[in-house]
Amino acid sequence: MSEADVITKFPKAPVTVDQIAADLRKLGVEPGMTILVHSSLSALGWVCGGEVAVVDALMAVIRPFGNLIMPTHTSHLSDPSRWENPPVPRSWWPVIRQATPPFRPETTPSRGMGSIPELFRTMAEVVRSVHPHFSFAAWGERSIDLVNNHELNFGLGEGSPLARVYDMDGSVLLLGVDFDRNTSFHLAEHRAEYATKEMIYEMAPIMENGHRRWKRHRNINLDSSDFNDIGRDFCDSYSQHVRTGLVGNAFCRLFPQRIAVDYAREWIHRKRR
């Protein structure tokens, strides 16, 4: 959505840092919480200061003795033979494989995550995990614990920041987005048993021992196509654990990640074929 479209859609008034902070508190966000945020800036309305204001408000409410974490994934650093949106000509593949710079946690931009996490990853005292496809950025008292030792194999599984949020009994904030953006359900995919689950191999350009190389690693065939269905059923079954409300103009949900992951694991086991 363009900036002009946002102004047209939400003409009443601009959204401010103070308003976002107040709305977050009303939703149930408290100092000291560990919160994994998935977000859409345009869903909030026209925000004074844009993504900077949103991150400032989150930090002000959670405080440095809490933890804020966001996905900063880099799907473009994958083998071009697997690209579908859009695909590229087969004749390009060797050039892309030879010329693509390696993943650098300090500088490599995220892709498809939105402007809020892309800004967040660049801010002072924010640290980022080293996975070339599924990195996360974190800020707060235990930020290093959240992103350290992010394993290359199964990057959204047991060796990922998602599992560390689970261990810390953290929460998920869907800030103007639906459950199809909820990466924590991928942790449930790793933990669930279902017939169509497969192990696959992926490639990414990384720096290893001072040299750029394409590194092969294992993953499962991730599938978010039923995440909105899982989320709807989760909200129906655990409505007492799901806080809903507006932040700015965005409809938001706040819920404990552990309960959601456990529910999704059983849902996937029962319903995926």
C-alpha atoms as a PDB file:
ATOM      1  CA  MET A   1       0.000   0.000   0.000  1.00  0.00           C
ATOM      2  CA  SER A   2       1.413   3.389  -1.011  1.00  0.00           C
ATOM      3  CA  GLU A   3       1.697   6.279   1.408  1.00  0.00           C
ATOM      4  CA  ALA A   4      -1.076   8.095  -0.474  1.00  0.00           C
ATOM      5  CA  ASP A   5      -3.312   5.027  -0.147  1.00  0.00           C
ATOM      6  CA  VAL A   6      -2.664   4.910   3.615  1.00  0.00           C
ATOM      7  CA  ILE A   7      -3.661   8.574   3.989  1.00  0.00           C
ATOM      8  CA  THR A   8      -6.825   7.990   1.966  1.00  0.00           C
ATOM      9  CA  LYS A   9      -7.747   4.845   3.914  1.00  0.00           C
ATOM     10  CA  PHE A  10      -7.122   6.395   7.357  1.00  0.00           C
ATOM     11  CA  PRO A  11      -7.924  10.117   6.954  1.00  0.00           C
ATOM     12  CA  LYS A  12      -8.998  10.891  10.527  1.00  0.00           C
ATOM     13  CA  ALA A  13      -5.604  11.693  12.085  1.00  0.00           C
ATOM     14  CA  PRO A  14      -1.951  10.637  12.027  1.00  0.00           C
ATOM     15  CA  VAL A  15      -0.737   8.054  14.532  1.00  0.00           C
ATOM     16  CA  THR A  16       1.914   9.041  17.091  1.00  0.00           C
ATOM     17  CA  VAL A  17       4.522   7.284  19.221  1.00  0.00           C
ATOM     18  CA  ASP A  18       2.532   8.029  22.373  1.00  0.00           C
ATOM     19  CA  GLN A  19      -0.654   6.627  20.852  1.00  0.00           C
ATOM     20  CA  ILE A  20       1.102   3.419  19.759  1.00  0.00           C
ATOM     21  CA  ALA A  21       2.633   2.991  23.215  1.00  0.00           C
ATOM     22  CA  ALA A  22      -0.732   3.552  24.933  1.00  0.00           C
ATOM     23  CA  ASP A  23      -2.464   1.109  22.595  1.00  0.00           C
ATOM     24  CA  LEU A  24       0.233  -1.520  23.199  1.00  0.00           C
ATOM     25  CA  ARG A  25      -0.234  -1.207  26.961  1.00  0.00           C
ATOM     26  CA  LYS A  26      -4.008  -1.502  26.561  1.00  0.00           C
ATOM     27  CA  LEU A  27      -3.484  -4.640  24.466  1.00  0.00           C
ATOM     28  CA  GLY A  28      -1.476  -6.199  27.292  1.00  0.00           C
ATOM     29  CA  VAL A  29       2.153  -5.500  26.442  1.00  0.00           C
ATOM     30  CA  GLU A  30       4.074  -4.952  29.680  1.00  0.00           C
ATOM     31  CA  PRO A  31       7.634  -4.077  30.734  1.00  0.00           C
ATOM     32  CA  GLY A  32       9.899  -7.104  30.925  1.00  0.00           C
ATOM     33  CA  MET A  33       8.023  -9.248  28.403  1.00  0.00           C
ATOM     34  CA  THR A  34       9.750 -11.196  25.634  1.00  0.00           C
ATOM     35  CA  ILE A  35       7.803 -10.440  22.463  1.00  0.00           C
ATOM     36  CA  LEU A  36       8.234 -11.692  18.911  1.00  0.00           C
ATOM     37  CA  VAL A  37       6.694  -9.105  16.575  1.00  0.00           C
ATOM     38  CA  HIS A  38       5.322  -9.539  13.066  1.00  0.00           C
ATOM     39  CA  SER A  39       4.142  -6.273  11.613  1.00  0.00           C
ATOM     40  CA  SER A  40       2.690  -4.134   8.856  1.00  0.00           C
ATOM     41  CA  LEU A  41       3.437  -0.420   8.995  1.00  0.00           C
ATOM     42  CA  SER A  42       0.685   0.537   6.552  1.00  0.00           C
ATOM     43  CA  ALA A  43      -1.965  -1.247   8.660  1.00  0.00           C
ATOM     44  CA  LEU A  44      -1.319   1.214  11.501  1.00  0.00           C
ATOM     45  CA  GLY A  45      -2.306   4.226   9.420  1.00  0.00           C
ATOM     46  CA  TRP A  46      -0.090   7.220   8.678  1.00  0.00           C
ATOM     47  CA  VAL A  47       2.486   7.176  11.491  1.00  0.00           C
ATOM     48  CA  CYS A  48       4.436  10.288  12.461  1.00  0.00           C
ATOM     49  CA  GLY A  49       8.007   9.097  12.074  1.00  0.00           C
ATOM     50  CA  GLY A  50       7.037   5.856  10.340  1.00  0.00           C
ATOM     51  CA  GLU A  51       8.804   2.665  11.359  1.00  0.00           C
ATOM     52  CA  VAL A  52      11.113   4.529  13.746  1.00  0.00           C
ATOM     53  CA  ALA A  53       8.107   5.605  15.800  1.00  0.00           C
ATOM     54  CA  VAL A  54       6.787   2.034  15.951  1.00  0.00           C
ATOM     55  CA  VAL A  55      10.097   0.607  17.179  1.00  0.00           C
ATOM     56  CA  ASP A  56      10.506   3.473  19.665  1.00  0.00           C
ATOM     57  CA  ALA A  57       7.049   2.752  21.083  1.00  0.00           C
ATOM     58  CA  LEU A  58       7.720  -0.994  21.388  1.00  0.00           C
ATOM     59  CA  MET A  59      11.029  -0.374  23.159  1.00  0.00           C
ATOM     60  CA  ALA A  60       9.496   2.209  25.476  1.00  0.00           C
ATOM     61  CA  VAL A  61       6.785  -0.212  26.597  1.00  0.00           C
ATOM     62  CA  ILE A  62       8.848  -3.410  26.817  1.00  0.00           C
ATOM     63  CA  ARG A  63      11.849  -1.632  28.376  1.00  0.00           C
ATOM     64  CA  PRO A  64      15.485  -2.837  28.205  1.00  0.00           C
ATOM     65  CA  PHE A  65      14.899  -5.538  30.833  1.00  0.00           C
ATOM     66  CA  GLY A  66      12.434  -7.158  28.417  1.00  0.00           C
ATOM     67  CA  ASN A  67      13.196  -8.516  24.968  1.00  0.00           C
ATOM     68  CA  LEU A  68      12.004  -7.508  21.514  1.00  0.00           C
ATOM     69  CA  ILE A  69      12.640  -9.852  18.575  1.00  0.00           C
ATOM     70  CA  MET A  70      11.712  -9.663  14.886  1.00  0.00           C
ATOM     71  CA  PRO A  71      12.318 -11.839  11.803  1.00  0.00           C
ATOM     72  CA  THR A  72      14.868 -10.449   9.335  1.00  0.00           C
ATOM     73  CA  HIS A  73      14.777 -13.258   6.796  1.00  0.00           C
ATOM     74  CA  THR A  74      16.720 -13.194   3.533  1.00  0.00           C
ATOM     75  CA  SER A  75      14.995 -15.522   1.075  1.00  0.00           C
ATOM     76  CA  HIS A  76      16.857 -13.929  -1.838  1.00  0.00           C
ATOM     77  CA  LEU A  77      20.090 -15.604  -0.688  1.00  0.00           C
ATOM     78  CA  SER A  78      18.925 -18.991  -1.935  1.00  0.00           C
ATOM     79  CA  ASP A  79      19.676 -21.097  -4.962  1.00  0.00           C
ATOM     80  CA  PRO A  80      17.975 -19.516  -8.015  1.00  0.00           C
ATOM     81  CA  SER A  81      16.786 -22.900  -9.274  1.00  0.00           C
ATOM     82  CA  ARG A  82      14.157 -22.803  -6.505  1.00  0.00           C
ATOM     83  CA  TRP A  83      12.887 -19.277  -7.167  1.00  0.00           C
ATOM     84  CA  GLU A  84       9.219 -18.986  -8.107  1.00  0.00           C
ATOM     85  CA  ASN A  85       8.159 -15.437  -7.193  1.00  0.00           C
ATOM     86  CA  PRO A  86       9.441 -14.503  -9.663  1.00  0.00           C
ATOM     87  CA  PRO A  87      11.506 -17.199 -11.400  1.00  0.00           C
ATOM     88  CA  VAL A  88      14.584 -16.175 -13.371  1.00  0.00           C
ATOM     89  CA  PRO A  89      15.878 -17.640 -16.645  1.00  0.00           C
ATOM     90  CA  ARG A  90      17.893 -20.832 -16.274  1.00  0.00           C
ATOM     91  CA  SER A  91      20.784 -19.164 -18.109  1.00  0.00           C
ATOM     92  CA  TRP A  92      21.090 -16.711 -15.191  1.00  0.00           C
ATOM     93  CA  TRP A  93      21.601 -19.370 -12.533  1.00  0.00           C
ATOM     94  CA  PRO A  94      25.400 -19.770 -12.866  1.00  0.00           C
ATOM     95  CA  VAL A  95      25.924 -15.994 -12.759  1.00  0.00           C
ATOM     96  CA  ILE A  96      23.736 -15.594  -9.677  1.00  0.00           C
ATOM     97  CA  ARG A  97      25.500 -18.457  -7.905  1.00  0.00           C
ATOM     98  CA  GLN A  98      28.911 -16.997  -8.681  1.00  0.00           C
ATOM     99  CA  ALA A  99      28.182 -13.324  -8.016  1.00  0.00           C
ATOM    100  CA  THR A 100      25.733 -13.130  -5.089  1.00  0.00           C
ATOM    101  CA  PRO A 101      27.464 -11.615  -2.031  1.00  0.00           C
ATOM    102  CA  PRO A 102      27.497 -13.747   1.113  1.00  0.00           C
ATOM    103  CA  PHE A 103      25.161 -13.184   4.026  1.00  0.00           C
ATOM    104  CA  ARG A 104      26.527 -10.593   6.456  1.00  0.00           C
ATOM    105  CA  PRO A 105      24.450 -10.174   9.630  1.00  0.00           C
ATOM    106  CA  GLU A 106      25.570  -6.572  10.060  1.00  0.00           C
ATOM    107  CA  THR A 107      24.564  -5.341   6.608  1.00  0.00           C
ATOM    108  CA  THR A 108      22.504  -7.781   4.522  1.00  0.00           C
ATOM    109  CA  PRO A 109      18.973  -6.365   4.186  1.00  0.00           C
ATOM    110  CA  SER A 110      15.944  -8.497   4.935  1.00  0.00           C
ATOM    111  CA  ARG A 111      13.460  -9.340   2.194  1.00  0.00           C
ATOM    112  CA  GLY A 112       9.677  -9.423   2.444  1.00  0.00           C
ATOM    113  CA  MET A 113       9.628  -8.745   6.195  1.00  0.00           C
ATOM    114  CA  GLY A 114       8.393  -5.154   6.004  1.00  0.00           C
ATOM    115  CA  SER A 115       9.930  -1.824   6.882  1.00  0.00           C
ATOM    116  CA  ILE A 116       9.646  -2.170  10.680  1.00  0.00           C
ATOM    117  CA  PRO A 117      12.016  -5.162  11.124  1.00  0.00           C
ATOM    118  CA  GLU A 118      14.284  -3.828   8.386  1.00  0.00           C
ATOM    119  CA  LEU A 119      14.740  -0.618  10.396  1.00  0.00           C
ATOM    120  CA  PHE A 120      14.920  -2.502  13.701  1.00  0.00           C
ATOM    121  CA  ARG A 121      17.893  -4.647  12.615  1.00  0.00           C
ATOM    122  CA  THR A 122      20.009  -1.494  12.032  1.00  0.00           C
ATOM    123  CA  MET A 123      19.436   0.119  15.433  1.00  0.00           C
ATOM    124  CA  ALA A 124      21.970   0.441  18.222  1.00  0.00           C
ATOM    125  CA  GLU A 125      22.097  -2.461  20.692  1.00  0.00           C
ATOM    126  CA  VAL A 126      20.131  -4.710  18.321  1.00  0.00           C
ATOM    127  CA  VAL A 127      21.873  -8.019  17.565  1.00  0.00           C
ATOM    128  CA  ARG A 128      21.130 -10.416  14.718  1.00  0.00           C
ATOM    129  CA  SER A 129      21.486 -14.161  14.302  1.00  0.00           C
ATOM    130  CA  VAL A 130      23.717 -15.587  11.601  1.00  0.00           C
ATOM    131  CA  HIS A 131      21.355 -17.833   9.635  1.00  0.00           C
ATOM    132  CA  PRO A 132      21.618 -16.877   5.919  1.00  0.00           C
ATOM    133  CA  HIS A 133      17.902 -17.482   5.273  1.00  0.00           C
ATOM    134  CA  PHE A 134      16.071 -17.234   8.616  1.00  0.00           C
ATOM    135  CA  SER A 135      17.885 -14.658  10.748  1.00  0.00           C
ATOM    136  CA  PHE A 136      16.196 -12.820  13.616  1.00  0.00           C
ATOM    137  CA  ALA A 137      17.125  -9.499  15.220  1.00  0.00           C
ATOM    138  CA  ALA A 138      16.719  -8.912  18.959  1.00  0.00           C
ATOM    139  CA  TRP A 139      17.034  -6.162  21.563  1.00  0.00           C
ATOM    140  CA  GLY A 140      16.875  -6.300  25.330  1.00  0.00           C
ATOM    141  CA  GLU A 141      18.317  -7.988  28.382  1.00  0.00           C
ATOM    142  CA  ARG A 142      18.532 -11.472  26.857  1.00  0.00           C
ATOM    143  CA  SER A 143      18.882 -10.516  23.206  1.00  0.00           C
ATOM    144  CA  ILE A 144      22.171 -12.385  22.799  1.00  0.00           C
ATOM    145  CA  ASP A 145      20.642 -15.528  24.305  1.00  0.00           C
ATOM    146  CA  LEU A 146      17.846 -15.279  21.764  1.00  0.00           C
ATOM    147  CA  VAL A 147      20.009 -15.059  18.651  1.00  0.00           C
ATOM    148  CA  ASN A 148      23.235 -16.872  19.577  1.00  0.00           C
ATOM    149  CA  ASN A 149      23.963 -20.346  18.209  1.00  0.00           C
ATOM    150  CA  HIS A 150      21.341 -20.192  15.479  1.00  0.00           C
ATOM    151  CA  GLU A 151      21.928 -23.518  13.766  1.00  0.00           C
ATOM    152  CA  LEU A 152      22.249 -23.701   9.983  1.00  0.00           C
ATOM    153  CA  ASN A 153      20.244 -26.912   9.612  1.00  0.00           C
ATOM    154  CA  PHE A 154      16.483 -26.583  10.195  1.00  0.00           C
ATOM    155  CA  GLY A 155      16.707 -22.812  10.639  1.00  0.00           C
ATOM    156  CA  LEU A 156      13.218 -22.435  12.130  1.00  0.00           C
ATOM    157  CA  GLY A 157      13.469 -25.507  14.331  1.00  0.00           C
ATOM    158  CA  GLU A 158      14.980 -26.454  17.657  1.00  0.00           C
ATOM    159  CA  GLY A 159      18.242 -24.586  17.098  1.00  0.00           C
ATOM    160  CA  SER A 160      16.505 -21.326  16.180  1.00  0.00           C
ATOM    161  CA  PRO A 161      15.478 -18.145  18.015  1.00  0.00           C
ATOM    162  CA  LEU A 162      11.882 -19.373  17.754  1.00  0.00           C
ATOM    163  CA  ALA A 163      12.738 -22.198  20.132  1.00  0.00           C
ATOM    164  CA  ARG A 164      14.497 -19.755  22.466  1.00  0.00           C
ATOM    165  CA  VAL A 165      11.352 -17.591  22.612  1.00  0.00           C
ATOM    166  CA  TYR A 166       9.472 -20.788  23.505  1.00  0.00           C
ATOM    167  CA  ASP A 167      12.009 -21.583  26.238  1.00  0.00           C
ATOM    168  CA  MET A 168      11.622 -18.062  27.668  1.00  0.00           C
ATOM    169  CA  ASP A 169       7.814 -18.371  27.636  1.00  0.00           C
ATOM    170  CA  GLY A 170       7.617 -15.355  25.342  1.00  0.00           C
ATOM    171  CA  SER A 171       4.646 -13.892  23.493  1.00  0.00           C
ATOM    172  CA  VAL A 172       3.788 -13.174  19.866  1.00  0.00           C
ATOM    173  CA  LEU A 173       2.426  -9.824  18.712  1.00  0.00           C
ATOM    174  CA  LEU A 174       0.706  -9.792  15.310  1.00  0.00           C
ATOM    175  CA  LEU A 175       0.762  -6.065  14.630  1.00  0.00           C
ATOM    176  CA  GLY A 176      -1.694  -5.579  11.781  1.00  0.00           C
ATOM    177  CA  VAL A 177      -0.968  -8.960  10.159  1.00  0.00           C
ATOM    178  CA  ASP A 178      -2.674 -12.349  10.206  1.00  0.00           C
ATOM    179  CA  PHE A 179      -1.445 -15.778  11.284  1.00  0.00           C
ATOM    180  CA  ASP A 180       0.067 -16.497   7.874  1.00  0.00           C
ATOM    181  CA  ARG A 181       2.919 -14.250   9.035  1.00  0.00           C
ATOM    182  CA  ASN A 182       3.331 -16.106  12.335  1.00  0.00           C
ATOM    183  CA  THR A 183       6.726 -17.822  12.006  1.00  0.00           C
ATOM    184  CA  SER A 184       6.237 -19.622  15.333  1.00  0.00           C
ATOM    185  CA  PHE A 185       3.944 -22.077  13.558  1.00  0.00           C
ATOM    186  CA  HIS A 186       7.023 -23.206  11.613  1.00  0.00           C
ATOM    187  CA  LEU A 187       8.471 -24.383  14.923  1.00  0.00           C
ATOM    188  CA  ALA A 188       5.300 -26.420  15.332  1.00  0.00           C
ATOM    189  CA  GLU A 189       5.853 -27.887  11.850  1.00  0.00           C
ATOM    190  CA  HIS A 190       9.275 -29.089  12.927  1.00  0.00           C
ATOM    191  CA  ARG A 191       7.847 -30.699  16.054  1.00  0.00           C
ATOM    192  CA  ALA A 192       4.772 -32.282  14.442  1.00  0.00           C
ATOM    193  CA  GLU A 193       4.590 -35.612  12.656  1.00  0.00           C
ATOM    194  CA  TYR A 194       2.555 -35.683   9.431  1.00  0.00           C
ATOM    195  CA  ALA A 195       2.575 -37.651   6.193  1.00  0.00           C
ATOM    196  CA  THR A 196       3.695 -34.900   3.805  1.00  0.00           C
ATOM    197  CA  LYS A 197       6.642 -33.761   5.934  1.00  0.00           C
ATOM    198  CA  GLU A 198       9.892 -34.097   4.013  1.00  0.00           C
ATOM    199  CA  MET A 199      13.510 -33.196   4.543  1.00  0.00           C
ATOM    200  CA  ILE A 200      14.992 -31.056   1.791  1.00  0.00           C
ATOM    201  CA  TYR A 201      18.361 -29.468   1.060  1.00  0.00           C
ATOM    202  CA  GLU A 202      18.901 -25.757   0.539  1.00  0.00           C
ATOM    203  CA  MET A 203      21.887 -23.599  -0.373  1.00  0.00           C
ATOM    204  CA  ALA A 204      23.063 -20.162   0.747  1.00  0.00           C
ATOM    205  CA  PRO A 205      26.158 -18.015   0.190  1.00  0.00           C
ATOM    206  CA  ILE A 206      28.068 -17.540   3.440  1.00  0.00           C
ATOM    207  CA  MET A 207      31.534 -16.602   4.663  1.00  0.00           C
ATOM    208  CA  GLU A 208      33.402 -19.581   6.077  1.00  0.00           C
ATOM    209  CA  ASN A 209      37.035 -19.434   7.206  1.00  0.00           C
ATOM    210  CA  GLY A 210      37.465 -16.160   5.356  1.00  0.00           C
ATOM    211  CA  HIS A 211      36.082 -17.450   2.061  1.00  0.00           C
ATOM    212  CA  ARG A 212      32.743 -17.043   0.328  1.00  0.00           C
ATOM    213  CA  ARG A 213      31.073 -20.352  -0.447  1.00  0.00           C
ATOM    214  CA  TRP A 214      27.653 -21.833  -1.115  1.00  0.00           C
ATOM    215  CA  LYS A 215      26.795 -23.897   1.932  1.00  0.00           C
ATOM    216  CA  ARG A 216      24.394 -26.816   1.727  1.00  0.00           C
ATOM    217  CA  HIS A 217      22.071 -27.334   4.686  1.00  0.00           C
ATOM    218  CA  ARG A 218      18.995 -29.304   5.662  1.00  0.00           C
ATOM    219  CA  ASN A 219      15.456 -28.084   6.201  1.00  0.00           C
ATOM    220  CA  ILE A 220      11.893 -29.374   6.021  1.00  0.00           C
ATOM    221  CA  ASN A 221       9.437 -28.424   3.291  1.00  0.00           C
ATOM    222  CA  LEU A 222       7.911 -25.477   5.116  1.00  0.00           C
ATOM    223  CA  ASP A 223       4.270 -24.692   4.352  1.00  0.00           C
ATOM    224  CA  SER A 224       2.341 -21.712   5.717  1.00  0.00           C
ATOM    225  CA  SER A 225      -0.741 -22.207   3.533  1.00  0.00           C
ATOM    226  CA  ASP A 226      -2.855 -23.437   6.462  1.00  0.00           C
ATOM    227  CA  PHE A 227      -1.502 -21.045   9.114  1.00  0.00           C
ATOM    228  CA  ASN A 228      -4.584 -18.803   9.011  1.00  0.00           C
ATOM    229  CA  ASP A 229      -6.776 -21.879   9.553  1.00  0.00           C
ATOM    230  CA  ILE A 230      -4.610 -22.930  12.502  1.00  0.00           C
ATOM    231  CA  GLY A 231      -4.746 -19.420  13.905  1.00  0.00           C
ATOM    232  CA  ARG A 232      -8.530 -19.187  13.594  1.00  0.00           C
ATOM    233  CA  ASP A 233      -9.000 -22.501  15.392  1.00  0.00           C
ATOM    234  CA  PHE A 234      -6.445 -21.513  18.018  1.00  0.00           C
ATOM    235  CA  CYS A 235      -8.302 -18.275  18.750  1.00  0.00           C
ATOM    236  CA  ASP A 236     -11.575 -20.177  19.028  1.00  0.00           C
ATOM    237  CA  SER A 237     -10.097 -22.780  21.384  1.00  0.00           C
ATOM    238  CA  TYR A 238      -7.912 -20.474  23.498  1.00  0.00           C
ATOM    239  CA  SER A 239      -9.758 -17.172  23.338  1.00  0.00           C
ATOM    240  CA  GLN A 240      -8.913 -16.527  26.993  1.00  0.00           C
ATOM    241  CA  HIS A 241      -5.209 -16.373  26.076  1.00  0.00           C
ATOM    242  CA  VAL A 242      -5.535 -14.157  22.986  1.00  0.00           C
ATOM    243  CA  ARG A 243      -5.684 -10.404  23.573  1.00  0.00           C
ATOM    244  CA  THR A 244      -7.091  -8.396  20.662  1.00  0.00           C
ATOM    245  CA  GLY A 245      -7.392  -4.691  19.987  1.00  0.00           C
ATOM    246  CA  LEU A 246      -6.334  -1.775  17.843  1.00  0.00           C
ATOM    247  CA  VAL A 247      -2.848  -0.304  17.783  1.00  0.00           C
ATOM    248  CA  GLY A 248      -3.295   2.841  15.781  1.00  0.00           C
ATOM    249  CA  ASN A 249      -5.684   1.601  13.105  1.00  0.00           C
ATOM    250  CA  ALA A 250      -4.284  -1.929  12.986  1.00  0.00           C
ATOM    251  CA  PHE A 251      -6.134  -4.936  14.365  1.00  0.00           C
ATOM    252  CA  CYS A 252      -3.651  -6.808  16.557  1.00  0.00           C
ATOM    253  CA  ARG A 253      -3.348 -10.043  18.504  1.00  0.00           C
ATOM    254  CA  LEU A 254      -1.106 -10.785  21.480  1.00  0.00           C
ATOM    255  CA  PHE A 255      -0.778 -14.348  22.775  1.00  0.00           C
ATOM    256  CA  PRO A 256       1.672 -16.695  24.515  1.00  0.00           C
ATOM    257  CA  GLN A 257       3.912 -18.348  21.940  1.00  0.00           C
ATOM    258  CA  ARG A 258       4.256 -21.629  23.841  1.00  0.00           C
ATOM    259  CA  ILE A 259       0.501 -22.284  23.967  1.00  0.00           C
ATOM    260  CA  ALA A 260       0.153 -21.410  20.274  1.00  0.00           C
ATOM    261  CA  VAL A 261       3.051 -23.643  19.190  1.00  0.00           C
ATOM    262  CA  ASP A 262       1.777 -26.588  21.232  1.00  0.00           C
ATOM    263  CA  TYR A 263      -1.709 -26.152  19.766  1.00  0.00           C
ATOM    264  CA  ALA A 264      -0.359 -25.860  16.201  1.00  0.00           C
ATOM    265  CA  ARG A 265       1.771 -28.974  16.633  1.00  0.00           C
ATOM    266  CA  GLU A 266      -1.278 -31.067  17.509  1.00  0.00           C
ATOM    267  CA  TRP A 267      -3.404 -29.393  14.812  1.00  0.00           C
ATOM    268  CA  ILE A 268      -0.820 -30.179  12.119  1.00  0.00           C
ATOM    269  CA  HIS A 269      -0.444 -33.752  13.354  1.00  0.00           C
ATOM    270  CA  ARG A 270      -4.210 -34.288  13.147  1.00  0.00           C
ATOM    271  CA  LYS A 271      -5.128 -32.415   9.984  1.00  0.00           C
ATOM    272  CA  ARG A 272      -2.248 -32.352   7.547  1.00  0.00           C
ATOM    273  CA  ARG A 273      -2.182 -35.205   5.063  1.00  0.00           C
END
